């Protein structure tokens, strides 16, 4: 999105009849902008999950394995896991599969991992310490935009984000919970040409469309 967070905050302030930022500071409106971006990105993932690994931010995180320790911190910007690789003390590697809560105490099941709260749990618990023994490939939520940063979404979603900011700002002033139904309907409406463009591109070239075109 070419528009900066400050510019979008000004647009929201204009609609709120608060161009001088008397009732809602620029900083407060930018907080709401970043909230809206996260909501939109999660909506994209929910409505078009197969495309998400192609269009999300993919990151790699490596951690040391500690003997007799099952749980390890997920990255602070973690959103969705793609792959988990375990390296043992001999240098052999294996990709772990996610397991369910029902499986965690079943010793007959293969090695795996469980995501719980902000941790990843390895099963079985490692019995040997290994430097850089755990590698996570994951999808991150977009970074928060500062005042002069561009909002990290396509211009398709500009009005949707502004709508969220206006509703959130009014709800704060009136000390009530905002009705965000219109916001989600706008996001779904904005996604229709977005998805059509992506599908057309994929049909035209016969391969996956370019990574991050939703930006």
N, C-alpha and C. Protein backbone atom coordinates (compact mmCIF):
# COMPACT_ATOMS: atom_id res chain seq x y z
N UNK A 1 0.85 -1.17 0.00
CA UNK A 1 0.00 0.00 0.00
C UNK A 1 0.89 1.23 0.00
N UNK A 2 0.71 2.10 -0.99
CA UNK A 2 1.58 3.26 -1.12
C UNK A 2 1.34 4.30 -0.03
N UNK A 3 0.15 4.32 0.54
CA UNK A 3 -0.18 5.32 1.54
C UNK A 3 0.56 5.03 2.85
N UNK A 4 1.03 6.10 3.50
CA UNK A 4 1.70 5.91 4.78
C UNK A 4 0.66 5.81 5.89
N UNK A 5 1.10 5.30 7.04
CA UNK A 5 0.20 5.19 8.17
C UNK A 5 -0.31 6.57 8.60
N UNK A 6 0.55 7.58 8.54
CA UNK A 6 0.14 8.94 8.92
C UNK A 6 -0.92 9.47 7.97
N UNK A 7 -0.75 9.22 6.66
CA UNK A 7 -1.73 9.68 5.68
C UNK A 7 -3.08 9.00 5.89
N UNK A 8 -3.04 7.71 6.16
CA UNK A 8 -4.28 6.98 6.38
C UNK A 8 -4.95 7.43 7.69
N UNK A 9 -4.13 7.73 8.69
CA UNK A 9 -4.68 8.26 9.94
C UNK A 9 -5.36 9.61 9.70
N UNK A 10 -4.77 10.42 8.83
CA UNK A 10 -5.39 11.72 8.50
C UNK A 10 -6.72 11.52 7.79
N UNK A 11 -6.79 10.52 6.91
CA UNK A 11 -8.06 10.24 6.22
C UNK A 11 -9.13 9.82 7.22
N UNK A 12 -8.75 8.98 8.17
CA UNK A 12 -9.70 8.57 9.20
C UNK A 12 -10.11 9.76 10.06
N UNK A 13 -9.15 10.60 10.40
CA UNK A 13 -9.44 11.78 11.23
C UNK A 13 -10.40 12.72 10.51
N UNK A 14 -10.25 12.84 9.19
CA UNK A 14 -11.16 13.68 8.41
C UNK A 14 -12.59 13.16 8.51
N UNK A 15 -12.75 11.84 8.41
CA UNK A 15 -14.08 11.25 8.50
C UNK A 15 -14.63 11.40 9.92
N UNK A 16 -13.76 11.43 10.90
CA UNK A 16 -14.17 11.59 12.29
C UNK A 16 -14.39 13.07 12.66
N UNK A 17 -14.18 13.96 11.66
CA UNK A 17 -14.28 15.42 11.89
C UNK A 17 -13.34 15.86 13.00
N UNK A 18 -12.13 15.32 12.93
CA UNK A 18 -11.12 15.61 13.95
C UNK A 18 -9.76 15.79 13.28
N UNK A 19 -9.73 16.67 12.27
CA UNK A 19 -8.50 16.84 11.48
C UNK A 19 -7.34 17.38 12.31
N UNK A 20 -7.63 18.00 13.41
CA UNK A 20 -6.55 18.48 14.29
C UNK A 20 -6.09 17.46 15.29
N UNK A 21 -6.65 16.26 15.22
CA UNK A 21 -6.31 15.16 16.14
C UNK A 21 -6.51 15.58 17.60
N UNK A 22 -7.63 16.27 17.84
CA UNK A 22 -7.96 16.69 19.21
C UNK A 22 -8.49 15.54 20.04
N UNK A 23 -9.38 14.76 19.46
CA UNK A 23 -10.00 13.65 20.19
C UNK A 23 -9.25 12.33 20.01
N UNK A 24 -8.63 12.18 18.88
CA UNK A 24 -7.87 10.96 18.60
C UNK A 24 -6.51 11.35 18.04
N UNK A 25 -5.47 11.07 18.77
CA UNK A 25 -4.13 11.41 18.31
C UNK A 25 -3.75 10.56 17.10
N UNK A 26 -2.78 11.04 16.34
CA UNK A 26 -2.27 10.25 15.22
C UNK A 26 -1.76 8.91 15.72
N UNK A 27 -1.06 8.91 16.85
CA UNK A 27 -0.50 7.67 17.38
C UNK A 27 -1.59 6.65 17.69
N UNK A 28 -2.71 7.11 18.26
CA UNK A 28 -3.81 6.19 18.57
C UNK A 28 -4.40 5.62 17.29
N UNK A 29 -4.62 6.46 16.29
CA UNK A 29 -5.20 5.97 15.04
C UNK A 29 -4.27 4.98 14.34
N UNK A 30 -2.97 5.19 14.45
CA UNK A 30 -2.02 4.26 13.83
C UNK A 30 -2.05 2.91 14.54
N UNK A 31 -2.28 2.91 15.85
CA UNK A 31 -2.47 1.63 16.56
C UNK A 31 -3.64 0.87 15.95
N UNK A 32 -4.74 1.58 15.68
CA UNK A 32 -5.92 0.94 15.09
C UNK A 32 -5.63 0.48 13.66
N UNK A 33 -4.84 1.25 12.92
CA UNK A 33 -4.45 0.85 11.56
C UNK A 33 -3.72 -0.49 11.60
N UNK A 34 -2.76 -0.62 12.50
CA UNK A 34 -1.99 -1.86 12.60
C UNK A 34 -2.88 -3.02 13.04
N UNK A 35 -3.84 -2.76 13.92
CA UNK A 35 -4.80 -3.81 14.28
C UNK A 35 -5.59 -4.26 13.06
N UNK A 36 -6.05 -3.30 12.27
CA UNK A 36 -6.84 -3.62 11.08
C UNK A 36 -6.03 -4.45 10.08
N UNK A 37 -4.77 -4.10 9.89
CA UNK A 37 -3.92 -4.85 8.97
C UNK A 37 -3.83 -6.31 9.40
N UNK A 38 -3.63 -6.53 10.70
CA UNK A 38 -3.55 -7.91 11.18
C UNK A 38 -4.86 -8.65 10.95
N UNK A 39 -5.98 -7.98 11.16
CA UNK A 39 -7.28 -8.61 10.92
C UNK A 39 -7.43 -8.99 9.44
N UNK A 40 -7.03 -8.09 8.55
CA UNK A 40 -7.16 -8.35 7.11
C UNK A 40 -6.29 -9.54 6.71
N UNK A 41 -5.05 -9.55 7.19
CA UNK A 41 -4.13 -10.63 6.83
C UNK A 41 -4.66 -11.97 7.32
N UNK A 42 -5.19 -12.00 8.53
CA UNK A 42 -5.76 -13.25 9.04
C UNK A 42 -6.98 -13.67 8.23
N UNK A 43 -7.73 -12.68 7.76
CA UNK A 43 -8.91 -12.98 6.93
C UNK A 43 -8.47 -13.59 5.60
N UNK A 44 -7.40 -13.07 5.04
CA UNK A 44 -6.85 -13.65 3.80
C UNK A 44 -6.49 -15.11 4.03
N UNK A 45 -5.82 -15.37 5.15
CA UNK A 45 -5.41 -16.74 5.46
C UNK A 45 -6.61 -17.65 5.65
N UNK A 46 -7.67 -17.13 6.28
CA UNK A 46 -8.85 -17.95 6.54
C UNK A 46 -9.63 -18.24 5.27
N UNK A 47 -9.73 -17.24 4.38
CA UNK A 47 -10.54 -17.38 3.18
C UNK A 47 -9.80 -18.04 2.03
N UNK A 48 -8.47 -17.98 2.06
CA UNK A 48 -7.69 -18.52 0.95
C UNK A 48 -6.45 -19.21 1.50
N UNK A 49 -6.62 -20.24 2.33
CA UNK A 49 -5.49 -20.84 3.04
C UNK A 49 -4.44 -21.46 2.14
N UNK A 50 -4.84 -22.00 0.98
CA UNK A 50 -3.86 -22.64 0.11
C UNK A 50 -2.85 -21.64 -0.43
N UNK A 51 -3.26 -20.39 -0.56
CA UNK A 51 -2.37 -19.38 -1.12
C UNK A 51 -1.49 -18.74 -0.06
N UNK A 52 -1.85 -18.94 1.19
CA UNK A 52 -1.16 -18.20 2.25
C UNK A 52 0.36 -18.42 2.26
N UNK A 53 0.86 -19.67 2.17
CA UNK A 53 2.31 -19.83 2.16
C UNK A 53 2.99 -19.13 0.98
N UNK A 54 2.23 -18.88 -0.11
CA UNK A 54 2.83 -18.20 -1.25
C UNK A 54 2.89 -16.69 -1.04
N UNK A 55 1.98 -16.16 -0.23
CA UNK A 55 1.88 -14.71 -0.13
C UNK A 55 2.27 -14.15 1.23
N UNK A 56 2.42 -15.01 2.23
CA UNK A 56 2.80 -14.52 3.54
C UNK A 56 4.29 -14.26 3.64
N UNK A 57 4.67 -13.69 4.76
CA UNK A 57 6.09 -13.50 5.06
C UNK A 57 6.61 -14.79 5.66
N UNK A 58 7.62 -15.39 5.03
CA UNK A 58 8.20 -16.63 5.53
C UNK A 58 9.50 -16.34 6.26
N UNK A 59 9.61 -16.85 7.48
CA UNK A 59 10.79 -16.59 8.27
C UNK A 59 11.35 -17.90 8.80
N UNK A 60 12.63 -17.85 9.17
CA UNK A 60 13.31 -19.00 9.75
C UNK A 60 13.85 -18.62 11.12
N UNK A 61 13.65 -19.51 12.09
CA UNK A 61 14.12 -19.29 13.45
C UNK A 61 14.86 -20.53 13.91
N UNK A 62 16.06 -20.35 14.42
CA UNK A 62 16.86 -21.48 14.89
C UNK A 62 17.14 -21.34 16.38
N UNK A 63 16.96 -22.44 17.10
CA UNK A 63 17.17 -22.43 18.54
C UNK A 63 18.01 -23.63 18.96
N UNK A 64 18.66 -23.50 20.11
CA UNK A 64 19.42 -24.61 20.67
C UNK A 64 18.49 -25.59 21.38
N UNK A 65 18.76 -26.88 21.19
CA UNK A 65 18.03 -27.90 21.92
C UNK A 65 18.71 -28.11 23.28
N UNK A 66 17.90 -28.14 24.33
CA UNK A 66 18.42 -28.35 25.68
C UNK A 66 17.93 -29.71 26.19
N UNK A 67 18.86 -30.51 26.66
CA UNK A 67 18.50 -31.85 27.14
C UNK A 67 17.41 -31.79 28.20
N UNK A 68 16.46 -32.70 28.09
CA UNK A 68 15.36 -32.84 29.04
C UNK A 68 14.43 -31.63 29.07
N UNK A 69 14.41 -30.86 28.00
CA UNK A 69 13.51 -29.71 27.88
C UNK A 69 12.63 -29.91 26.67
N UNK A 70 11.31 -29.93 26.89
CA UNK A 70 10.38 -30.21 25.80
C UNK A 70 9.89 -28.94 25.10
N UNK A 71 9.73 -27.85 25.85
CA UNK A 71 9.09 -26.66 25.27
C UNK A 71 10.09 -25.56 24.97
N UNK A 72 9.83 -24.85 23.85
CA UNK A 72 10.69 -23.76 23.38
C UNK A 72 9.81 -22.61 22.92
N UNK A 73 10.30 -21.39 23.08
CA UNK A 73 9.52 -20.20 22.74
C UNK A 73 9.28 -20.11 21.24
N UNK A 74 8.06 -19.75 20.87
CA UNK A 74 7.80 -19.38 19.48
C UNK A 74 8.26 -17.95 19.26
N UNK A 75 8.66 -17.60 18.05
CA UNK A 75 9.07 -16.21 17.77
C UNK A 75 7.94 -15.24 18.10
N UNK A 76 8.30 -14.04 18.50
CA UNK A 76 7.30 -13.05 18.92
C UNK A 76 6.36 -12.66 17.78
N UNK A 77 6.82 -12.79 16.52
CA UNK A 77 5.98 -12.42 15.38
C UNK A 77 5.35 -13.64 14.70
N UNK A 78 5.34 -14.77 15.39
CA UNK A 78 4.82 -16.02 14.83
C UNK A 78 3.33 -15.92 14.55
N UNK A 79 2.93 -16.47 13.38
CA UNK A 79 1.50 -16.58 13.08
C UNK A 79 1.12 -18.01 12.70
N UNK A 80 1.85 -18.63 11.76
CA UNK A 80 1.48 -19.96 11.29
C UNK A 80 2.75 -20.76 10.98
N UNK A 81 2.77 -22.02 11.43
CA UNK A 81 3.93 -22.86 11.21
C UNK A 81 3.89 -23.48 9.81
N UNK A 82 5.06 -23.51 9.16
CA UNK A 82 5.19 -24.18 7.88
C UNK A 82 5.91 -25.51 8.02
N UNK A 83 7.11 -25.49 8.63
CA UNK A 83 7.89 -26.71 8.81
C UNK A 83 8.68 -26.63 10.11
N UNK A 84 8.94 -27.79 10.69
CA UNK A 84 9.78 -27.89 11.88
C UNK A 84 10.84 -28.95 11.61
N UNK A 85 12.10 -28.56 11.77
CA UNK A 85 13.20 -29.50 11.53
C UNK A 85 13.98 -29.71 12.82
N UNK A 86 14.30 -30.97 13.10
CA UNK A 86 15.08 -31.32 14.28
C UNK A 86 16.40 -31.92 13.83
N UNK A 87 17.50 -31.44 14.42
CA UNK A 87 18.83 -31.96 14.12
C UNK A 87 19.38 -32.63 15.38
N UNK A 88 19.81 -33.89 15.27
CA UNK A 88 20.32 -34.57 16.46
C UNK A 88 21.82 -34.35 16.61
N UNK A 89 22.40 -34.93 17.65
CA UNK A 89 23.82 -34.71 17.97
C UNK A 89 24.75 -35.28 16.90
N UNK A 90 24.25 -36.20 16.06
CA UNK A 90 25.06 -36.76 14.97
C UNK A 90 24.95 -35.94 13.69
N UNK A 91 24.12 -34.90 13.71
CA UNK A 91 23.93 -34.07 12.52
C UNK A 91 22.83 -34.55 11.61
N UNK A 92 22.14 -35.63 12.00
CA UNK A 92 21.02 -36.13 11.19
C UNK A 92 19.79 -35.24 11.42
N UNK A 93 19.04 -34.99 10.35
CA UNK A 93 17.88 -34.12 10.46
C UNK A 93 16.59 -34.87 10.13
N UNK A 94 15.50 -34.37 10.69
CA UNK A 94 14.18 -34.93 10.40
C UNK A 94 13.15 -33.82 10.49
N UNK A 95 12.12 -33.92 9.64
CA UNK A 95 11.01 -32.98 9.68
C UNK A 95 9.93 -33.56 10.58
N UNK A 96 9.45 -32.74 11.52
CA UNK A 96 8.46 -33.19 12.47
C UNK A 96 7.06 -32.85 11.99
N UNK A 97 6.12 -33.70 12.31
CA UNK A 97 4.72 -33.47 11.98
C UNK A 97 3.99 -32.97 13.22
N UNK A 98 2.96 -32.12 13.02
CA UNK A 98 2.18 -31.67 14.18
C UNK A 98 1.40 -32.83 14.78
N UNK A 99 1.23 -32.80 16.09
CA UNK A 99 0.47 -33.83 16.77
C UNK A 99 -0.66 -33.17 17.55
N UNK A 100 -1.66 -33.93 17.88
CA UNK A 100 -2.81 -33.43 18.61
C UNK A 100 -2.61 -33.63 20.10
N UNK A 101 -3.45 -32.98 20.88
CA UNK A 101 -3.38 -33.17 22.33
C UNK A 101 -3.64 -34.62 22.71
N UNK A 102 -4.48 -35.31 21.92
CA UNK A 102 -4.81 -36.70 22.21
C UNK A 102 -3.61 -37.61 21.99
N UNK A 103 -2.68 -37.18 21.12
CA UNK A 103 -1.54 -38.03 20.77
C UNK A 103 -0.35 -37.85 21.68
N UNK A 104 -0.34 -36.76 22.47
CA UNK A 104 0.91 -36.38 23.11
C UNK A 104 1.44 -37.43 24.09
N UNK A 105 0.57 -38.25 24.67
CA UNK A 105 1.02 -39.26 25.63
C UNK A 105 1.09 -40.65 25.01
N UNK A 106 0.93 -40.73 23.69
CA UNK A 106 0.94 -42.02 23.01
C UNK A 106 2.35 -42.34 22.55
N UNK A 107 3.02 -43.21 23.23
CA UNK A 107 4.42 -43.52 22.92
C UNK A 107 4.58 -44.25 21.60
N UNK A 108 3.48 -44.78 21.04
CA UNK A 108 3.58 -45.51 19.78
C UNK A 108 3.61 -44.59 18.57
N UNK A 109 3.31 -43.32 18.76
CA UNK A 109 3.27 -42.39 17.64
C UNK A 109 4.68 -41.91 17.29
N UNK A 110 4.83 -41.43 16.06
CA UNK A 110 6.11 -40.89 15.61
C UNK A 110 6.43 -39.60 16.35
N UNK A 111 7.69 -39.18 16.20
CA UNK A 111 8.09 -37.89 16.78
C UNK A 111 7.24 -36.78 16.17
N UNK A 112 7.03 -35.74 16.93
CA UNK A 112 6.24 -34.63 16.43
C UNK A 112 6.34 -33.42 17.33
N UNK A 113 5.47 -32.45 17.06
CA UNK A 113 5.46 -31.23 17.87
C UNK A 113 4.03 -30.79 18.11
N UNK A 114 3.87 -30.02 19.17
CA UNK A 114 2.57 -29.47 19.55
C UNK A 114 2.75 -27.99 19.82
N UNK A 115 1.86 -27.16 19.26
CA UNK A 115 1.87 -25.72 19.53
C UNK A 115 0.85 -25.43 20.62
N UNK A 116 1.29 -24.81 21.68
CA UNK A 116 0.41 -24.51 22.81
C UNK A 116 0.79 -23.17 23.40
N UNK A 117 -0.19 -22.26 23.40
CA UNK A 117 0.06 -20.89 23.85
C UNK A 117 1.18 -20.28 23.01
N UNK A 118 2.28 -19.87 23.62
CA UNK A 118 3.37 -19.25 22.87
C UNK A 118 4.59 -20.16 22.78
N UNK A 119 4.38 -21.46 22.95
CA UNK A 119 5.49 -22.42 22.95
C UNK A 119 5.27 -23.50 21.91
N UNK A 120 6.39 -24.12 21.51
CA UNK A 120 6.34 -25.35 20.73
C UNK A 120 6.88 -26.45 21.62
N UNK A 121 6.15 -27.57 21.70
CA UNK A 121 6.55 -28.71 22.51
C UNK A 121 7.01 -29.83 21.59
N UNK A 122 8.16 -30.39 21.89
CA UNK A 122 8.72 -31.48 21.09
C UNK A 122 8.44 -32.81 21.77
N UNK A 123 8.03 -33.81 20.97
CA UNK A 123 7.75 -35.15 21.48
C UNK A 123 8.49 -36.17 20.65
N UNK A 124 9.22 -37.08 21.32
CA UNK A 124 9.47 -37.11 22.76
C UNK A 124 10.41 -35.98 23.20
N UNK A 125 10.51 -35.75 24.48
CA UNK A 125 11.40 -34.72 25.00
C UNK A 125 12.85 -35.06 24.64
N UNK A 126 13.59 -34.13 24.05
CA UNK A 126 14.99 -34.41 23.70
C UNK A 126 15.81 -34.78 24.93
N UNK A 127 16.70 -35.75 24.77
CA UNK A 127 17.55 -36.15 25.90
C UNK A 127 18.99 -35.70 25.73
N UNK A 128 19.27 -34.96 24.63
CA UNK A 128 20.62 -34.49 24.36
C UNK A 128 20.57 -33.03 23.93
N UNK A 129 21.51 -32.23 24.42
CA UNK A 129 21.61 -30.83 23.99
C UNK A 129 22.27 -30.76 22.62
N UNK A 130 21.70 -29.94 21.74
CA UNK A 130 22.24 -29.79 20.38
C UNK A 130 22.21 -28.31 20.02
N UNK A 131 23.36 -27.76 19.68
CA UNK A 131 23.42 -26.37 19.24
C UNK A 131 22.70 -26.21 17.91
N UNK A 132 21.80 -25.22 17.83
CA UNK A 132 21.00 -24.97 16.61
C UNK A 132 20.26 -26.23 16.17
N UNK A 133 19.76 -26.98 17.13
CA UNK A 133 19.11 -28.26 16.81
C UNK A 133 17.66 -28.14 16.38
N UNK A 134 17.05 -26.98 16.60
CA UNK A 134 15.64 -26.80 16.25
C UNK A 134 15.50 -25.65 15.26
N UNK A 135 14.90 -25.94 14.12
CA UNK A 135 14.69 -24.91 13.10
C UNK A 135 13.20 -24.83 12.78
N UNK A 136 12.68 -23.61 12.85
CA UNK A 136 11.27 -23.37 12.55
C UNK A 136 11.16 -22.51 11.31
N UNK A 137 10.36 -22.93 10.36
CA UNK A 137 9.98 -22.07 9.24
C UNK A 137 8.52 -21.69 9.47
N UNK A 138 8.26 -20.41 9.50
CA UNK A 138 6.93 -19.96 9.88
C UNK A 138 6.52 -18.72 9.11
N UNK A 139 5.23 -18.44 9.17
CA UNK A 139 4.68 -17.24 8.56
C UNK A 139 4.50 -16.20 9.64
N UNK A 140 4.94 -14.99 9.35
CA UNK A 140 4.86 -13.90 10.31
C UNK A 140 3.70 -12.98 9.98
N UNK A 141 3.13 -12.37 11.00
CA UNK A 141 2.23 -11.26 10.77
C UNK A 141 3.01 -10.08 10.26
N UNK A 142 2.39 -9.18 9.50
CA UNK A 142 3.13 -8.02 8.98
C UNK A 142 3.68 -7.17 10.12
N UNK A 143 4.83 -6.55 9.91
CA UNK A 143 5.37 -5.67 10.95
C UNK A 143 4.47 -4.46 11.14
N UNK A 144 4.48 -3.91 12.34
CA UNK A 144 3.68 -2.72 12.60
C UNK A 144 4.26 -1.52 11.87
N UNK A 145 3.39 -0.74 11.26
CA UNK A 145 3.83 0.45 10.53
C UNK A 145 3.92 1.64 11.47
N UNK A 146 5.00 2.39 11.35
CA UNK A 146 5.13 3.65 12.06
C UNK A 146 4.54 4.77 11.22
N UNK A 147 4.61 5.97 11.73
CA UNK A 147 3.97 7.12 11.09
C UNK A 147 4.37 7.28 9.63
N UNK A 148 5.65 7.15 9.32
CA UNK A 148 6.13 7.40 7.96
C UNK A 148 6.23 6.14 7.12
N UNK A 149 5.88 4.99 7.70
CA UNK A 149 5.96 3.72 6.97
C UNK A 149 4.72 3.52 6.11
N UNK A 150 4.91 2.85 4.98
CA UNK A 150 3.76 2.47 4.16
C UNK A 150 2.97 1.37 4.86
N UNK A 151 1.66 1.44 4.76
CA UNK A 151 0.81 0.40 5.33
C UNK A 151 1.02 -0.87 4.50
N UNK A 152 1.38 -2.00 5.14
CA UNK A 152 1.80 -3.19 4.39
C UNK A 152 0.67 -4.04 3.83
N UNK A 153 -0.19 -3.42 3.02
CA UNK A 153 -1.24 -4.15 2.32
C UNK A 153 -1.51 -3.46 0.98
N UNK A 154 -2.15 -4.19 0.09
CA UNK A 154 -2.53 -3.63 -1.19
C UNK A 154 -3.53 -2.48 -1.00
N UNK A 155 -3.56 -1.55 -1.97
CA UNK A 155 -4.51 -0.45 -1.92
C UNK A 155 -5.95 -0.94 -1.96
N UNK A 156 -6.17 -2.19 -2.38
CA UNK A 156 -7.52 -2.77 -2.35
C UNK A 156 -8.15 -2.65 -0.97
N UNK A 157 -7.33 -2.71 0.07
CA UNK A 157 -7.85 -2.79 1.43
C UNK A 157 -7.81 -1.45 2.16
N UNK A 158 -7.48 -0.38 1.46
CA UNK A 158 -7.32 0.93 2.09
C UNK A 158 -8.61 1.39 2.77
N UNK A 159 -9.73 1.32 2.06
CA UNK A 159 -11.00 1.78 2.63
C UNK A 159 -11.44 0.88 3.78
N UNK A 160 -11.18 -0.40 3.67
CA UNK A 160 -11.54 -1.32 4.75
C UNK A 160 -10.80 -0.97 6.03
N UNK A 161 -9.52 -0.70 5.89
CA UNK A 161 -8.72 -0.35 7.06
C UNK A 161 -9.21 0.96 7.67
N UNK A 162 -9.49 1.93 6.81
CA UNK A 162 -9.99 3.22 7.32
C UNK A 162 -11.30 3.02 8.07
N UNK A 163 -12.19 2.17 7.54
CA UNK A 163 -13.47 1.89 8.19
C UNK A 163 -13.25 1.31 9.58
N UNK A 164 -12.32 0.38 9.69
CA UNK A 164 -12.01 -0.21 10.99
C UNK A 164 -11.55 0.86 11.97
N UNK A 165 -10.66 1.73 11.52
CA UNK A 165 -10.12 2.79 12.39
C UNK A 165 -11.23 3.70 12.89
N UNK A 166 -12.13 4.09 11.99
CA UNK A 166 -13.23 4.99 12.36
C UNK A 166 -14.14 4.33 13.39
N UNK A 167 -14.50 3.07 13.14
CA UNK A 167 -15.38 2.36 14.07
C UNK A 167 -14.70 2.19 15.42
N UNK A 168 -13.42 1.82 15.41
CA UNK A 168 -12.70 1.61 16.67
C UNK A 168 -12.57 2.92 17.44
N UNK A 169 -12.30 4.00 16.73
CA UNK A 169 -12.16 5.30 17.39
C UNK A 169 -13.48 5.74 18.03
N UNK A 170 -14.57 5.60 17.30
CA UNK A 170 -15.87 5.98 17.85
C UNK A 170 -16.25 5.10 19.04
N UNK A 171 -15.94 3.81 18.96
CA UNK A 171 -16.25 2.90 20.06
C UNK A 171 -15.48 3.30 21.31
N UNK A 172 -14.23 3.69 21.14
CA UNK A 172 -13.43 4.11 22.31
C UNK A 172 -14.03 5.35 22.93
N UNK A 173 -14.46 6.32 22.11
CA UNK A 173 -15.01 7.56 22.64
C UNK A 173 -16.33 7.31 23.37
N UNK A 174 -17.12 6.38 22.85
CA UNK A 174 -18.43 6.10 23.44
C UNK A 174 -18.37 5.00 24.50
N UNK A 175 -17.14 4.49 24.74
CA UNK A 175 -16.91 3.45 25.75
C UNK A 175 -17.81 2.24 25.54
N UNK A 176 -17.80 1.75 24.32
CA UNK A 176 -18.57 0.55 24.00
C UNK A 176 -17.80 -0.28 22.98
N UNK A 177 -18.29 -1.48 22.74
CA UNK A 177 -17.67 -2.36 21.75
C UNK A 177 -18.16 -1.99 20.36
N UNK A 178 -17.25 -1.81 19.44
CA UNK A 178 -17.63 -1.43 18.08
C UNK A 178 -18.24 -2.57 17.30
N UNK A 179 -19.08 -2.24 16.32
CA UNK A 179 -19.66 -3.22 15.42
C UNK A 179 -18.78 -3.30 14.18
N UNK A 180 -18.04 -4.39 14.04
CA UNK A 180 -17.08 -4.51 12.95
C UNK A 180 -17.60 -5.37 11.81
N UNK A 181 -18.92 -5.63 11.81
CA UNK A 181 -19.50 -6.43 10.74
C UNK A 181 -19.28 -5.79 9.38
N UNK A 182 -19.45 -4.46 9.30
CA UNK A 182 -19.25 -3.77 8.02
C UNK A 182 -17.81 -3.88 7.56
N UNK A 183 -16.89 -3.84 8.51
CA UNK A 183 -15.46 -3.96 8.17
C UNK A 183 -15.18 -5.30 7.52
N UNK A 184 -15.67 -6.39 8.11
CA UNK A 184 -15.40 -7.71 7.55
C UNK A 184 -16.08 -7.89 6.20
N UNK A 185 -17.25 -7.30 6.04
CA UNK A 185 -17.92 -7.37 4.73
C UNK A 185 -17.11 -6.62 3.68
N UNK A 186 -16.53 -5.49 4.07
CA UNK A 186 -15.70 -4.73 3.13
C UNK A 186 -14.45 -5.52 2.75
N UNK A 187 -13.85 -6.18 3.74
CA UNK A 187 -12.65 -6.99 3.45
C UNK A 187 -12.98 -8.09 2.45
N UNK A 188 -14.10 -8.78 2.67
CA UNK A 188 -14.49 -9.86 1.76
C UNK A 188 -14.80 -9.30 0.37
N UNK A 189 -15.42 -8.13 0.32
CA UNK A 189 -15.69 -7.49 -0.98
C UNK A 189 -14.38 -7.14 -1.67
N UNK A 190 -13.43 -6.59 -0.92
CA UNK A 190 -12.15 -6.19 -1.50
C UNK A 190 -11.33 -7.39 -1.96
N UNK A 191 -11.57 -8.55 -1.35
CA UNK A 191 -10.81 -9.73 -1.72
C UNK A 191 -11.26 -10.33 -3.04
N UNK A 192 -12.47 -10.03 -3.47
CA UNK A 192 -12.97 -10.63 -4.71
C UNK A 192 -12.10 -10.28 -5.92
N UNK A 193 -11.81 -9.00 -6.19
CA UNK A 193 -10.92 -8.71 -7.32
C UNK A 193 -9.49 -9.19 -7.07
N UNK A 194 -9.08 -9.18 -5.82
CA UNK A 194 -7.75 -9.65 -5.45
C UNK A 194 -7.58 -11.12 -5.82
N UNK A 195 -8.54 -11.95 -5.40
CA UNK A 195 -8.47 -13.38 -5.70
C UNK A 195 -8.62 -13.63 -7.19
N UNK A 196 -9.50 -12.87 -7.85
CA UNK A 196 -9.68 -13.03 -9.29
C UNK A 196 -8.38 -12.73 -10.03
N UNK A 197 -7.69 -11.69 -9.62
CA UNK A 197 -6.41 -11.33 -10.26
C UNK A 197 -5.37 -12.42 -10.04
N UNK A 198 -5.30 -12.96 -8.83
CA UNK A 198 -4.34 -14.01 -8.53
C UNK A 198 -4.64 -15.28 -9.35
N UNK A 199 -5.92 -15.64 -9.40
CA UNK A 199 -6.30 -16.84 -10.15
C UNK A 199 -6.04 -16.67 -11.65
N UNK A 200 -6.32 -15.47 -12.17
CA UNK A 200 -6.08 -15.20 -13.58
C UNK A 200 -4.59 -15.28 -13.89
N UNK A 201 -3.78 -14.75 -13.00
CA UNK A 201 -2.33 -14.79 -13.20
C UNK A 201 -1.82 -16.22 -13.21
N UNK A 202 -2.36 -17.03 -12.29
CA UNK A 202 -1.93 -18.42 -12.20
C UNK A 202 -2.36 -19.19 -13.45
N UNK A 203 -3.57 -18.94 -13.94
CA UNK A 203 -4.04 -19.62 -15.15
C UNK A 203 -3.21 -19.22 -16.36
N UNK A 204 -2.81 -17.96 -16.39
CA UNK A 204 -2.09 -17.45 -17.55
C UNK A 204 -0.70 -18.04 -17.68
N UNK A 205 0.01 -18.13 -16.54
CA UNK A 205 1.40 -18.60 -16.62
C UNK A 205 1.54 -20.07 -16.29
N UNK A 206 0.48 -20.66 -15.72
CA UNK A 206 0.50 -22.09 -15.46
C UNK A 206 1.32 -22.50 -14.25
N UNK A 207 1.73 -21.54 -13.43
CA UNK A 207 2.48 -21.83 -12.21
C UNK A 207 1.94 -20.95 -11.10
N UNK A 208 2.49 -21.12 -9.92
CA UNK A 208 2.06 -20.29 -8.79
C UNK A 208 2.32 -18.83 -9.11
N UNK A 209 1.38 -17.98 -8.77
CA UNK A 209 1.55 -16.55 -9.01
C UNK A 209 2.63 -16.00 -8.11
N UNK A 210 3.08 -14.81 -8.44
CA UNK A 210 4.24 -14.26 -7.75
C UNK A 210 3.99 -14.07 -6.27
N UNK A 211 5.00 -14.39 -5.49
CA UNK A 211 4.95 -14.29 -4.03
C UNK A 211 4.73 -12.84 -3.62
N UNK A 212 3.84 -12.65 -2.66
CA UNK A 212 3.60 -11.33 -2.06
C UNK A 212 2.89 -10.35 -2.97
N UNK A 213 2.12 -10.82 -3.95
CA UNK A 213 1.37 -9.89 -4.77
C UNK A 213 0.22 -9.25 -4.02
N UNK A 214 -0.11 -9.79 -2.85
CA UNK A 214 -1.21 -9.16 -2.09
C UNK A 214 -0.76 -7.89 -1.40
N UNK A 215 0.54 -7.62 -1.39
CA UNK A 215 1.06 -6.37 -0.81
C UNK A 215 0.75 -5.23 -1.77
